[in-house]
């Protein structure tokens, strides 16, 4: 039996500007959904009242006013979890948590995050950052110079194996001790020694960063056991 559910737009109502028009793509951006999922919602009748307007690149595009979207957001939708009629990503939005819909939602979210990562940290910025690090510029300073945060840099490296390798290769230039020193890649190398006759700063070169990465994994494993 169909069940009444809050409209998928309901949780985004505070972000809708009643005075502006919205296209399918803009609604997708608002809801952090794939464009195909929003098109499906429109085809299923969950987004009635659209108008067809000329697109600046030619052709016509479906649009809604913000006021229309706000009215729709207040209306519940009646839906049966019919996987033959509705897309898994759309059904997830209205409450289905089966494995198929959950996987579709996770894949859609991952795709959007990767697309955003590429938009904010594109190839030219990554190449410049790697070149700066290879020239012995610390990661935080190199990141600031290309307009991203260190978290964005390491976050990209966590899933982009090619970039992670480039970052590690460039990072040897940041070694305080030199990669042939026996203290390279140890806790002492990572922490430095501020009490020595000649104070030595903590090393953030590749060897010591790998030590810290391994140590963090051991700490997480110990905390979960």
N, C-alpha and C. Protein backbone atom coordinates (compact mmCIF):
# COMPACT_ATOMS: atom_id res chain seq x y z
N UNK A 1 0.84 -1.20 0.00
CA UNK A 1 0.00 0.00 0.00
C UNK A 1 0.88 1.25 0.00
N UNK A 2 0.48 2.28 -0.77
CA UNK A 2 1.24 3.53 -0.73
C UNK A 2 1.25 4.14 0.66
N UNK A 3 2.35 4.73 1.02
CA UNK A 3 2.52 5.35 2.33
C UNK A 3 2.81 6.83 2.15
N UNK A 4 2.21 7.68 2.98
CA UNK A 4 2.49 9.12 2.93
C UNK A 4 3.84 9.39 3.58
N UNK A 5 4.68 10.11 2.86
CA UNK A 5 6.01 10.48 3.34
C UNK A 5 6.23 11.97 3.14
N UNK A 6 7.08 12.61 3.96
CA UNK A 6 7.42 14.00 3.68
C UNK A 6 8.02 14.12 2.28
N UNK A 7 7.73 15.19 1.62
CA UNK A 7 8.28 15.42 0.29
C UNK A 7 9.81 15.49 0.39
N UNK A 8 10.53 14.94 -0.59
CA UNK A 8 11.99 15.02 -0.55
C UNK A 8 12.54 16.44 -0.43
N UNK A 9 11.75 17.43 -0.85
CA UNK A 9 12.20 18.83 -0.74
C UNK A 9 12.05 19.38 0.68
N UNK A 10 11.31 18.69 1.54
CA UNK A 10 10.94 19.27 2.84
C UNK A 10 12.17 19.68 3.65
N UNK A 11 13.19 18.84 3.70
CA UNK A 11 14.35 19.17 4.54
C UNK A 11 15.22 20.27 3.96
N UNK A 12 14.92 20.69 2.72
CA UNK A 12 15.71 21.76 2.09
C UNK A 12 14.92 23.06 1.98
N UNK A 13 13.73 23.10 2.57
CA UNK A 13 12.86 24.27 2.41
C UNK A 13 13.53 25.56 2.86
N UNK A 14 14.33 25.49 3.94
CA UNK A 14 14.97 26.70 4.44
C UNK A 14 16.00 27.26 3.47
N UNK A 15 16.43 26.45 2.50
CA UNK A 15 17.45 26.89 1.54
C UNK A 15 16.85 27.36 0.22
N UNK A 16 15.53 27.27 0.09
CA UNK A 16 14.88 27.64 -1.17
C UNK A 16 14.55 29.12 -1.16
N UNK A 17 14.96 29.82 -2.19
CA UNK A 17 14.65 31.24 -2.36
C UNK A 17 13.35 31.36 -3.15
N UNK A 18 12.27 31.84 -2.53
CA UNK A 18 10.98 31.88 -3.24
C UNK A 18 10.98 32.79 -4.47
N UNK A 19 11.94 33.71 -4.56
CA UNK A 19 11.92 34.70 -5.64
C UNK A 19 12.71 34.27 -6.87
N UNK A 20 13.42 33.14 -6.81
CA UNK A 20 14.26 32.77 -7.94
C UNK A 20 13.72 31.53 -8.65
N UNK A 21 14.06 31.38 -9.92
CA UNK A 21 13.66 30.16 -10.64
C UNK A 21 14.68 29.04 -10.40
N UNK A 22 14.24 27.81 -10.54
CA UNK A 22 15.11 26.65 -10.35
C UNK A 22 14.97 25.70 -11.53
N UNK A 23 16.08 25.25 -12.05
CA UNK A 23 16.09 24.21 -13.07
C UNK A 23 16.29 22.85 -12.41
N UNK A 24 16.20 21.80 -13.19
CA UNK A 24 16.44 20.46 -12.67
C UNK A 24 17.83 20.38 -12.05
N UNK A 25 18.82 20.92 -12.75
CA UNK A 25 20.20 20.87 -12.23
C UNK A 25 20.33 21.64 -10.92
N UNK A 26 19.68 22.79 -10.83
CA UNK A 26 19.77 23.59 -9.61
C UNK A 26 19.07 22.90 -8.44
N UNK A 27 17.97 22.20 -8.72
CA UNK A 27 17.32 21.43 -7.66
C UNK A 27 18.22 20.28 -7.24
N UNK A 28 18.88 19.65 -8.21
CA UNK A 28 19.81 18.56 -7.89
C UNK A 28 20.94 19.07 -7.00
N UNK A 29 21.46 20.24 -7.31
CA UNK A 29 22.52 20.83 -6.47
C UNK A 29 22.00 21.13 -5.07
N UNK A 30 20.79 21.66 -5.00
CA UNK A 30 20.18 21.99 -3.71
C UNK A 30 20.04 20.74 -2.84
N UNK A 31 19.57 19.65 -3.45
CA UNK A 31 19.27 18.43 -2.70
C UNK A 31 20.44 17.46 -2.64
N UNK A 32 21.54 17.83 -3.30
CA UNK A 32 22.72 16.96 -3.37
C UNK A 32 22.34 15.59 -3.94
N UNK A 33 21.64 15.65 -5.07
CA UNK A 33 21.20 14.46 -5.77
C UNK A 33 21.74 14.49 -7.19
N UNK A 34 21.69 13.35 -7.85
CA UNK A 34 22.01 13.29 -9.27
C UNK A 34 20.90 13.96 -10.07
N UNK A 35 21.26 14.56 -11.19
CA UNK A 35 20.27 15.20 -12.05
C UNK A 35 19.22 14.18 -12.50
N UNK A 36 19.66 12.96 -12.79
CA UNK A 36 18.72 11.93 -13.24
C UNK A 36 17.67 11.62 -12.18
N UNK A 37 18.05 11.69 -10.90
CA UNK A 37 17.08 11.41 -9.83
C UNK A 37 16.02 12.51 -9.76
N UNK A 38 16.43 13.77 -9.93
CA UNK A 38 15.45 14.86 -9.91
C UNK A 38 14.55 14.78 -11.14
N UNK A 39 15.13 14.44 -12.30
CA UNK A 39 14.30 14.25 -13.49
C UNK A 39 13.28 13.15 -13.26
N UNK A 40 13.70 12.08 -12.57
CA UNK A 40 12.78 11.00 -12.25
C UNK A 40 11.67 11.47 -11.34
N UNK A 41 11.99 12.29 -10.34
CA UNK A 41 10.96 12.82 -9.46
C UNK A 41 9.93 13.62 -10.24
N UNK A 42 10.42 14.40 -11.22
CA UNK A 42 9.49 15.18 -12.04
C UNK A 42 8.62 14.26 -12.90
N UNK A 43 9.23 13.23 -13.46
CA UNK A 43 8.48 12.30 -14.29
C UNK A 43 7.46 11.52 -13.47
N UNK A 44 7.78 11.24 -12.18
CA UNK A 44 6.85 10.50 -11.32
C UNK A 44 5.70 11.38 -10.83
N UNK A 45 5.76 12.68 -11.10
CA UNK A 45 4.70 13.57 -10.67
C UNK A 45 4.93 14.21 -9.32
N UNK A 46 6.14 14.09 -8.79
CA UNK A 46 6.43 14.69 -7.48
C UNK A 46 6.83 16.16 -7.59
N UNK A 47 7.05 16.66 -8.82
CA UNK A 47 7.42 18.06 -9.03
C UNK A 47 6.54 18.65 -10.13
N UNK A 48 5.23 18.73 -9.88
CA UNK A 48 4.34 19.28 -10.91
C UNK A 48 4.50 20.80 -11.02
N UNK A 49 3.90 21.35 -12.08
CA UNK A 49 3.83 22.80 -12.22
C UNK A 49 5.01 23.45 -12.89
N UNK A 50 5.88 22.67 -13.53
CA UNK A 50 7.06 23.26 -14.16
C UNK A 50 6.68 23.99 -15.44
N UNK A 51 7.55 24.90 -15.86
CA UNK A 51 7.41 25.60 -17.14
C UNK A 51 8.62 25.28 -17.99
N UNK A 52 8.47 25.33 -19.29
CA UNK A 52 9.59 25.13 -20.20
C UNK A 52 10.09 26.49 -20.66
N UNK A 53 11.35 26.78 -20.37
CA UNK A 53 11.94 28.06 -20.73
C UNK A 53 13.12 27.85 -21.67
N UNK A 54 13.38 28.81 -22.57
CA UNK A 54 14.56 28.69 -23.44
C UNK A 54 15.84 28.64 -22.62
N UNK A 55 16.77 27.79 -23.05
CA UNK A 55 18.07 27.70 -22.39
C UNK A 55 19.07 28.56 -23.15
N UNK A 56 19.99 29.19 -22.44
CA UNK A 56 20.94 30.10 -23.09
C UNK A 56 21.83 29.37 -24.10
N UNK A 57 21.97 28.06 -23.97
CA UNK A 57 22.80 27.30 -24.91
C UNK A 57 21.96 26.65 -26.00
N UNK A 58 20.69 27.01 -26.06
CA UNK A 58 19.80 26.42 -27.05
C UNK A 58 18.89 25.38 -26.42
N UNK A 59 17.77 25.13 -27.08
CA UNK A 59 16.81 24.19 -26.54
C UNK A 59 15.99 24.80 -25.43
N UNK A 60 15.30 23.95 -24.70
CA UNK A 60 14.43 24.41 -23.63
C UNK A 60 14.73 23.63 -22.36
N UNK A 61 14.48 24.26 -21.23
CA UNK A 61 14.79 23.64 -19.95
C UNK A 61 13.59 23.77 -19.02
N UNK A 62 13.35 22.75 -18.24
CA UNK A 62 12.23 22.72 -17.30
C UNK A 62 12.60 23.55 -16.06
N UNK A 63 11.70 24.46 -15.64
CA UNK A 63 11.97 25.32 -14.49
C UNK A 63 10.76 25.39 -13.57
N UNK A 64 11.04 25.69 -12.31
CA UNK A 64 10.03 25.94 -11.28
C UNK A 64 10.41 27.24 -10.58
N UNK A 65 9.45 27.94 -10.03
CA UNK A 65 9.77 29.07 -9.17
C UNK A 65 10.08 28.54 -7.77
N UNK A 66 10.84 29.32 -7.02
CA UNK A 66 11.10 28.93 -5.64
C UNK A 66 9.81 28.82 -4.84
N UNK A 67 8.86 29.71 -5.13
CA UNK A 67 7.58 29.66 -4.41
C UNK A 67 6.86 28.34 -4.68
N UNK A 68 6.92 27.86 -5.93
CA UNK A 68 6.31 26.56 -6.24
C UNK A 68 6.98 25.44 -5.44
N UNK A 69 8.30 25.46 -5.39
CA UNK A 69 9.03 24.41 -4.68
C UNK A 69 8.70 24.42 -3.20
N UNK A 70 8.53 25.61 -2.62
CA UNK A 70 8.18 25.69 -1.21
C UNK A 70 6.79 25.10 -0.96
N UNK A 71 5.86 25.34 -1.88
CA UNK A 71 4.52 24.75 -1.73
C UNK A 71 4.61 23.23 -1.82
N UNK A 72 5.40 22.74 -2.77
CA UNK A 72 5.57 21.29 -2.93
C UNK A 72 6.24 20.68 -1.70
N UNK A 73 7.19 21.40 -1.12
CA UNK A 73 7.91 20.87 0.04
C UNK A 73 6.98 20.63 1.22
N UNK A 74 5.88 21.37 1.27
CA UNK A 74 4.92 21.20 2.38
C UNK A 74 3.93 20.06 2.15
N UNK A 75 3.92 19.52 0.93
CA UNK A 75 2.98 18.45 0.61
C UNK A 75 3.64 17.09 0.80
N UNK A 76 3.00 16.18 1.49
CA UNK A 76 3.55 14.82 1.55
C UNK A 76 3.39 14.14 0.19
N UNK A 77 4.21 13.14 -0.05
CA UNK A 77 4.04 12.33 -1.25
C UNK A 77 3.60 10.94 -0.82
N UNK A 78 2.80 10.32 -1.66
CA UNK A 78 2.34 8.96 -1.37
C UNK A 78 3.13 8.02 -2.28
N UNK A 79 3.85 7.12 -1.67
CA UNK A 79 4.73 6.26 -2.44
C UNK A 79 4.73 4.85 -1.88
N UNK A 80 4.67 3.89 -2.77
CA UNK A 80 4.99 2.51 -2.43
C UNK A 80 6.41 2.28 -2.88
N UNK A 81 7.16 1.49 -2.16
CA UNK A 81 8.55 1.26 -2.52
C UNK A 81 8.60 0.32 -3.73
N UNK A 82 8.18 0.86 -4.86
CA UNK A 82 8.10 0.11 -6.10
C UNK A 82 9.40 0.28 -6.86
N UNK A 83 10.26 -0.71 -6.79
CA UNK A 83 11.57 -0.60 -7.42
C UNK A 83 11.49 -0.74 -8.93
N UNK A 84 10.35 -1.14 -9.44
CA UNK A 84 10.19 -1.17 -10.88
C UNK A 84 9.82 0.19 -11.44
N UNK A 85 9.19 1.03 -10.62
CA UNK A 85 8.75 2.35 -11.09
C UNK A 85 9.73 3.45 -10.71
N UNK A 86 10.27 3.39 -9.49
CA UNK A 86 11.12 4.47 -9.00
C UNK A 86 12.59 4.04 -8.94
N UNK A 87 13.47 5.01 -9.11
CA UNK A 87 14.90 4.71 -9.04
C UNK A 87 15.30 4.46 -7.59
N UNK A 88 16.30 3.61 -7.35
CA UNK A 88 16.74 3.34 -5.97
C UNK A 88 17.16 4.60 -5.23
N UNK A 89 17.87 5.52 -5.90
CA UNK A 89 18.31 6.74 -5.22
C UNK A 89 17.12 7.58 -4.77
N UNK A 90 16.07 7.62 -5.59
CA UNK A 90 14.87 8.38 -5.23
C UNK A 90 14.14 7.70 -4.07
N UNK A 91 14.01 6.39 -4.12
CA UNK A 91 13.34 5.67 -3.04
C UNK A 91 14.08 5.84 -1.72
N UNK A 92 15.40 5.90 -1.77
CA UNK A 92 16.16 6.14 -0.54
C UNK A 92 15.76 7.48 0.08
N UNK A 93 15.55 8.47 -0.78
CA UNK A 93 15.20 9.81 -0.29
C UNK A 93 13.87 9.83 0.44
N UNK A 94 12.98 8.90 0.10
CA UNK A 94 11.67 8.89 0.76
C UNK A 94 11.56 7.75 1.77
N UNK A 95 12.71 7.18 2.15
CA UNK A 95 12.68 6.29 3.30
C UNK A 95 13.07 4.85 3.10
N UNK A 96 13.22 4.36 1.85
CA UNK A 96 13.58 2.97 1.66
C UNK A 96 15.06 2.76 2.01
N UNK A 97 15.33 1.78 2.85
CA UNK A 97 16.70 1.51 3.29
C UNK A 97 17.12 0.08 2.94
N UNK A 98 16.54 -0.47 1.88
CA UNK A 98 16.98 -1.78 1.43
C UNK A 98 18.40 -1.67 0.90
N UNK A 99 19.05 -2.80 0.71
CA UNK A 99 20.45 -2.80 0.28
C UNK A 99 20.62 -2.12 -1.07
N UNK A 100 19.69 -2.35 -1.99
CA UNK A 100 19.80 -1.77 -3.33
C UNK A 100 19.73 -0.25 -3.26
N UNK A 101 18.76 0.28 -2.52
CA UNK A 101 18.60 1.73 -2.43
C UNK A 101 19.74 2.37 -1.65
N UNK A 102 20.20 1.70 -0.60
CA UNK A 102 21.30 2.24 0.18
C UNK A 102 22.57 2.29 -0.65
N UNK A 103 22.83 1.23 -1.42
CA UNK A 103 24.01 1.24 -2.29
C UNK A 103 23.92 2.35 -3.33
N UNK A 104 22.74 2.53 -3.91
CA UNK A 104 22.56 3.58 -4.91
C UNK A 104 22.79 4.96 -4.29
N UNK A 105 22.26 5.16 -3.09
CA UNK A 105 22.47 6.44 -2.41
C UNK A 105 23.95 6.68 -2.12
N UNK A 106 24.64 5.65 -1.62
CA UNK A 106 26.06 5.80 -1.31
C UNK A 106 26.88 6.08 -2.56
N UNK A 107 26.55 5.38 -3.65
CA UNK A 107 27.27 5.60 -4.90
C UNK A 107 27.02 7.01 -5.43
N UNK A 108 25.79 7.46 -5.33
CA UNK A 108 25.44 8.81 -5.78
C UNK A 108 26.17 9.85 -4.95
N UNK A 109 26.21 9.66 -3.63
CA UNK A 109 26.89 10.61 -2.74
C UNK A 109 28.38 10.63 -3.03
N UNK A 110 28.98 9.44 -3.25
CA UNK A 110 30.40 9.37 -3.55
C UNK A 110 30.71 10.08 -4.85
N UNK A 111 29.88 9.86 -5.87
CA UNK A 111 30.10 10.51 -7.16
C UNK A 111 30.05 12.03 -7.03
N UNK A 112 29.12 12.53 -6.23
CA UNK A 112 29.00 13.98 -6.05
C UNK A 112 30.19 14.53 -5.29
N UNK A 113 30.64 13.79 -4.27
CA UNK A 113 31.80 14.27 -3.51
C UNK A 113 33.05 14.30 -4.38
N UNK A 114 33.21 13.28 -5.22
CA UNK A 114 34.38 13.24 -6.10
C UNK A 114 34.31 14.38 -7.12
N UNK A 115 33.11 14.64 -7.64
CA UNK A 115 32.96 15.74 -8.60
C UNK A 115 33.27 17.08 -7.94
N UNK A 116 32.82 17.25 -6.70
CA UNK A 116 33.12 18.49 -5.97
C UNK A 116 34.61 18.60 -5.71
N UNK A 117 35.24 17.48 -5.35
CA UNK A 117 36.68 17.49 -5.10
C UNK A 117 37.44 17.90 -6.35
N UNK A 118 37.00 17.42 -7.50
CA UNK A 118 37.67 17.77 -8.75
C UNK A 118 37.47 19.24 -9.08
N UNK A 119 36.29 19.75 -8.77
CA UNK A 119 35.99 21.16 -9.05
C UNK A 119 36.81 22.09 -8.18
N UNK A 120 36.97 21.76 -6.90
CA UNK A 120 37.67 22.65 -5.98
C UNK A 120 39.18 22.43 -5.95
N UNK A 121 39.62 21.25 -6.41
CA UNK A 121 41.06 20.94 -6.39
C UNK A 121 41.41 20.24 -7.71
N UNK A 122 41.34 20.98 -8.82
CA UNK A 122 41.52 20.37 -10.14
C UNK A 122 42.99 20.03 -10.44
N UNK A 123 43.21 19.43 -11.58
CA UNK A 123 44.53 18.93 -11.96
C UNK A 123 45.60 20.01 -11.91
N UNK A 124 45.31 21.20 -12.43
CA UNK A 124 46.35 22.24 -12.46
C UNK A 124 46.79 22.63 -11.06
N UNK A 125 45.85 22.69 -10.12
CA UNK A 125 46.22 23.02 -8.74
C UNK A 125 47.02 21.88 -8.10
N UNK A 126 46.65 20.64 -8.41
CA UNK A 126 47.39 19.51 -7.84
C UNK A 126 48.82 19.48 -8.35
N UNK A 127 49.00 19.73 -9.64
CA UNK A 127 50.35 19.75 -10.21
C UNK A 127 51.19 20.87 -9.59
N UNK A 128 50.59 22.03 -9.41
CA UNK A 128 51.32 23.15 -8.80
C UNK A 128 51.69 22.82 -7.36
N UNK A 129 50.76 22.24 -6.61
CA UNK A 129 51.04 21.89 -5.22
C UNK A 129 52.19 20.89 -5.12
N UNK A 130 52.17 19.87 -5.96
CA UNK A 130 53.25 18.87 -5.94
C UNK A 130 54.58 19.52 -6.28
N UNK A 131 54.58 20.43 -7.25
CA UNK A 131 55.83 21.12 -7.62
C UNK A 131 56.35 21.97 -6.46
N UNK A 132 55.45 22.64 -5.76
CA UNK A 132 55.87 23.45 -4.62
C UNK A 132 56.47 22.58 -3.52
N UNK A 133 55.84 21.45 -3.23
CA UNK A 133 56.35 20.56 -2.19
C UNK A 133 57.70 19.98 -2.62
N UNK A 134 57.81 19.64 -3.90
CA UNK A 134 59.09 19.13 -4.40
C UNK A 134 60.19 20.17 -4.24
N UNK A 135 59.80 21.43 -4.22
CA UNK A 135 60.76 22.51 -4.00
C UNK A 135 60.93 22.84 -2.53
N UNK A 136 60.47 21.96 -1.63
CA UNK A 136 60.65 22.06 -0.17
C UNK A 136 59.70 23.04 0.49
N UNK A 137 58.59 23.38 -0.14
CA UNK A 137 57.55 24.18 0.52
C UNK A 137 56.69 23.25 1.37
N UNK A 138 56.53 23.51 2.67
CA UNK A 138 55.68 22.65 3.51
C UNK A 138 54.27 22.52 2.94
N UNK A 139 53.63 21.40 3.22
CA UNK A 139 52.33 21.10 2.64
C UNK A 139 51.31 22.20 2.96
N UNK A 140 51.26 22.65 4.22
CA UNK A 140 50.26 23.66 4.60
C UNK A 140 50.46 24.95 3.79
N UNK A 141 51.74 25.35 3.61
CA UNK A 141 52.02 26.57 2.85
C UNK A 141 51.71 26.38 1.37
N UNK A 142 52.06 25.20 0.84
CA UNK A 142 51.77 24.92 -0.57
C UNK A 142 50.27 24.89 -0.81
N UNK A 143 49.53 24.29 0.13
CA UNK A 143 48.08 24.23 0.00
C UNK A 143 47.48 25.64 -0.01
N UNK A 144 47.95 26.49 0.90
CA UNK A 144 47.44 27.86 0.95
C UNK A 144 47.74 28.60 -0.35
N UNK A 145 48.90 28.33 -0.93
CA UNK A 145 49.28 29.03 -2.16
C UNK A 145 48.38 28.65 -3.33
N UNK A 146 47.91 27.40 -3.37
CA UNK A 146 47.03 27.00 -4.48
C UNK A 146 45.55 27.16 -4.13
N UNK A 147 45.27 27.61 -2.89
CA UNK A 147 43.90 27.93 -2.52
C UNK A 147 43.07 26.79 -2.00
N UNK A 148 43.72 25.79 -1.36
CA UNK A 148 42.97 24.70 -0.73
C UNK A 148 43.48 24.53 0.70
N UNK A 149 42.81 23.70 1.48
CA UNK A 149 43.25 23.42 2.84
C UNK A 149 44.10 22.16 2.86
N UNK A 150 44.95 21.99 3.89
CA UNK A 150 45.68 20.72 4.01
C UNK A 150 44.73 19.53 4.09
N UNK A 151 43.57 19.71 4.73
CA UNK A 151 42.60 18.63 4.80
C UNK A 151 42.13 18.20 3.41
N UNK A 152 41.97 19.18 2.51
CA UNK A 152 41.58 18.85 1.14
C UNK A 152 42.68 18.05 0.45
N UNK A 153 43.93 18.43 0.72
CA UNK A 153 45.07 17.72 0.11
C UNK A 153 45.10 16.27 0.57
N UNK A 154 45.09 16.07 1.89
CA UNK A 154 45.20 14.70 2.42
C UNK A 154 43.92 13.91 2.17
N UNK A 155 42.78 14.60 2.12
CA UNK A 155 41.54 13.91 1.80
C UNK A 155 41.57 13.36 0.38
N UNK A 156 42.11 14.13 -0.54
CA UNK A 156 42.25 13.66 -1.92
C UNK A 156 43.20 12.46 -1.97
N UNK A 157 44.31 12.56 -1.25
CA UNK A 157 45.29 11.48 -1.26
C UNK A 157 44.72 10.18 -0.68
N UNK A 158 43.70 10.28 0.18
CA UNK A 158 43.14 9.09 0.81
C UNK A 158 42.41 8.19 -0.19
N UNK A 159 41.93 8.77 -1.32
CA UNK A 159 41.21 7.94 -2.29
C UNK A 159 41.80 7.99 -3.70
N UNK A 160 42.69 8.93 -3.95
CA UNK A 160 43.31 9.06 -5.27
C UNK A 160 44.73 8.52 -5.19
N UNK A 161 44.92 7.26 -5.57
CA UNK A 161 46.21 6.60 -5.40
C UNK A 161 47.32 7.28 -6.20
N UNK A 162 47.01 7.76 -7.40
CA UNK A 162 48.03 8.43 -8.22
C UNK A 162 48.51 9.72 -7.54
N UNK A 163 47.55 10.50 -7.03
CA UNK A 163 47.94 11.74 -6.35
C UNK A 163 48.69 11.44 -5.07
N UNK A 164 48.28 10.40 -4.34
CA UNK A 164 48.98 10.03 -3.11
C UNK A 164 50.43 9.69 -3.40
N UNK A 165 50.67 8.98 -4.49
CA UNK A 165 52.04 8.62 -4.85
C UNK A 165 52.85 9.87 -5.21
N UNK A 166 52.25 10.78 -5.97
CA UNK A 166 52.94 12.03 -6.32
C UNK A 166 53.28 12.82 -5.06
N UNK A 167 52.33 12.85 -4.13
CA UNK A 167 52.53 13.60 -2.89
C UNK A 167 53.67 12.98 -2.07
N UNK A 168 53.69 11.66 -1.98
CA UNK A 168 54.74 10.99 -1.22
C UNK A 168 56.11 11.19 -1.87
N UNK A 169 56.16 11.10 -3.17
CA UNK A 169 57.45 11.29 -3.85
C UNK A 169 57.96 12.71 -3.66
N UNK A 170 57.05 13.69 -3.77
CA UNK A 170 57.46 15.08 -3.57
C UNK A 170 57.84 15.35 -2.13
N UNK A 171 57.16 14.65 -1.20
CA UNK A 171 57.36 14.92 0.22
C UNK A 171 58.73 14.58 0.76
N UNK A 172 59.50 13.78 0.03
CA UNK A 172 60.87 13.50 0.50
C UNK A 172 61.70 14.78 0.57
N UNK A 173 61.32 15.79 -0.22
CA UNK A 173 62.04 17.06 -0.18
C UNK A 173 61.86 17.79 1.14
N UNK A 174 60.89 17.38 1.96
CA UNK A 174 60.62 18.04 3.23
C UNK A 174 61.36 17.39 4.39
N UNK A 175 62.14 16.35 4.11
CA UNK A 175 62.84 15.65 5.18
C UNK A 175 63.80 16.59 5.91
N UNK A 176 63.69 16.63 7.22
CA UNK A 176 64.59 17.45 8.04
C UNK A 176 65.94 16.75 8.19
N UNK A 177 65.92 15.43 8.31
CA UNK A 177 67.14 14.65 8.56
C UNK A 177 67.78 14.11 7.29
N UNK A 178 66.97 13.90 6.28
CA UNK A 178 67.45 13.20 5.10
C UNK A 178 67.03 11.75 5.17
N UNK A 179 66.59 11.18 4.06
CA UNK A 179 65.99 9.86 4.10
C UNK A 179 66.98 8.74 4.43
N UNK A 180 68.30 9.00 4.37
CA UNK A 180 69.28 7.98 4.74
C UNK A 180 69.61 7.99 6.22
N UNK A 181 69.14 8.99 6.94
CA UNK A 181 69.40 9.05 8.38
C UNK A 181 68.58 7.97 9.09
N UNK A 182 69.16 7.22 10.03
CA UNK A 182 68.42 6.15 10.71
C UNK A 182 67.20 6.65 11.49
N UNK A 183 67.16 7.93 11.83
CA UNK A 183 66.02 8.47 12.55
C UNK A 183 64.86 8.84 11.62
N UNK A 184 65.11 8.80 10.31
CA UNK A 184 64.04 9.10 9.34
C UNK A 184 62.98 8.02 9.42
N UNK A 185 61.74 8.41 9.55
CA UNK A 185 60.66 7.45 9.65
C UNK A 185 60.49 6.89 11.04
N UNK A 186 60.89 7.64 12.07
CA UNK A 186 60.72 7.22 13.46
C UNK A 186 59.94 8.28 14.21
N UNK A 187 59.52 7.92 15.43
CA UNK A 187 58.82 8.90 16.26
C UNK A 187 59.69 10.09 16.59
N UNK A 188 60.98 9.83 16.86
CA UNK A 188 61.89 10.93 17.17
C UNK A 188 62.04 11.88 15.99
N UNK A 189 62.09 11.33 14.78
CA UNK A 189 62.20 12.18 13.61
C UNK A 189 60.94 13.01 13.42
N UNK A 190 59.79 12.38 13.63
CA UNK A 190 58.52 13.09 13.45
C UNK A 190 58.36 14.21 14.47
N UNK A 191 58.71 13.93 15.73
CA UNK A 191 58.49 14.91 16.79
C UNK A 191 59.55 15.99 16.82
N UNK A 192 60.76 15.71 16.34
CA UNK A 192 61.83 16.68 16.44
C UNK A 192 62.42 16.70 17.84
N UNK A 193 63.33 17.64 18.07
CA UNK A 193 63.99 17.75 19.38
C UNK A 193 64.27 19.22 19.66
N UNK A 194 63.37 19.82 20.45
CA UNK A 194 63.51 21.25 20.75
C UNK A 194 64.53 21.51 21.85
N UNK A 195 64.96 20.43 22.57
CA UNK A 195 65.89 20.62 23.68
C UNK A 195 67.34 20.37 23.29
N UNK A 196 67.59 19.98 22.06
CA UNK A 196 68.96 19.72 21.61
C UNK A 196 69.75 21.02 21.54
N UNK A 197 71.07 20.86 21.54
CA UNK A 197 71.93 22.05 21.44
C UNK A 197 71.59 22.84 20.19
N UNK A 198 71.32 22.13 19.12
CA UNK A 198 70.81 22.76 17.91
C UNK A 198 69.39 22.21 17.71
N UNK A 199 68.37 22.96 18.14
CA UNK A 199 67.00 22.44 18.07
C UNK A 199 66.64 21.95 16.67
N UNK A 200 65.93 20.84 16.64
CA UNK A 200 65.52 20.25 15.36
C UNK A 200 63.99 20.20 15.31
N UNK A 201 63.39 20.80 14.30
CA UNK A 201 61.92 20.80 14.22
C UNK A 201 61.39 19.42 13.87
N UNK A 202 60.12 19.22 14.14
CA UNK A 202 59.49 17.97 13.73
C UNK A 202 59.50 17.84 12.22
N UNK A 203 59.71 16.62 11.75
CA UNK A 203 59.81 16.36 10.31
C UNK A 203 58.44 15.98 9.75
N UNK A 204 58.12 16.55 8.60
CA UNK A 204 56.88 16.19 7.91
C UNK A 204 57.18 15.65 6.51
N UNK A 205 58.39 15.15 6.36
CA UNK A 205 58.74 14.49 5.11
C UNK A 205 58.04 13.15 4.99
N UNK A 206 58.19 12.51 3.85
CA UNK A 206 57.43 11.29 3.57
C UNK A 206 57.70 10.17 4.56
N UNK A 207 58.97 9.96 4.92
CA UNK A 207 59.31 8.88 5.85
C UNK A 207 58.64 9.05 7.20
N UNK A 208 58.72 10.23 7.76
CA UNK A 208 58.13 10.49 9.07
C UNK A 208 56.61 10.57 9.00
N UNK A 209 56.09 11.03 7.87
CA UNK A 209 54.64 11.06 7.71
C UNK A 209 54.09 9.63 7.63
N UNK A 210 54.84 8.74 6.97
CA UNK A 210 54.42 7.34 6.93
C UNK A 210 54.44 6.72 8.32
N UNK A 211 55.44 7.09 9.13
CA UNK A 211 55.48 6.59 10.51
C UNK A 211 54.23 7.03 11.26
N UNK A 212 53.87 8.32 11.12
CA UNK A 212 52.71 8.84 11.84
C UNK A 212 51.42 8.19 11.34
N UNK A 213 51.35 7.94 10.04
CA UNK A 213 50.17 7.31 9.47
C UNK A 213 50.00 5.89 10.03
N UNK A 214 51.11 5.14 10.08
CA UNK A 214 51.05 3.78 10.63
C UNK A 214 50.69 3.81 12.11
N UNK A 215 51.25 4.77 12.83
CA UNK A 215 50.97 4.87 14.26
C UNK A 215 49.49 5.18 14.50
N UNK A 216 48.94 6.06 13.70
CA UNK A 216 47.52 6.41 13.84
C UNK A 216 46.64 5.19 13.58
N UNK A 217 47.00 4.36 12.59
CA UNK A 217 46.23 3.16 12.31
C UNK A 217 46.27 2.19 13.48
N UNK A 218 47.46 2.05 14.11
CA UNK A 218 47.60 1.19 15.28
C UNK A 218 46.76 1.70 16.45
N UNK A 219 46.74 3.02 16.63
CA UNK A 219 45.97 3.61 17.72
C UNK A 219 44.47 3.37 17.51
N UNK A 220 44.02 3.53 16.25
CA UNK A 220 42.60 3.29 15.97
C UNK A 220 42.24 1.83 16.19
N UNK A 221 43.15 0.93 15.75
CA UNK A 221 42.88 -0.49 15.92
C UNK A 221 42.81 -0.85 17.40
N UNK A 222 43.71 -0.25 18.21
CA UNK A 222 43.70 -0.52 19.65
C UNK A 222 42.46 0.01 20.32
N UNK A 223 41.97 1.17 19.86
CA UNK A 223 40.78 1.76 20.47
C UNK A 223 39.53 0.97 20.15
N UNK A 224 39.51 0.30 18.98
CA UNK A 224 38.31 -0.45 18.60
C UNK A 224 38.30 -1.89 19.11
N UNK A 225 39.44 -2.35 19.63
CA UNK A 225 39.51 -3.75 20.10
C UNK A 225 38.99 -3.89 21.53
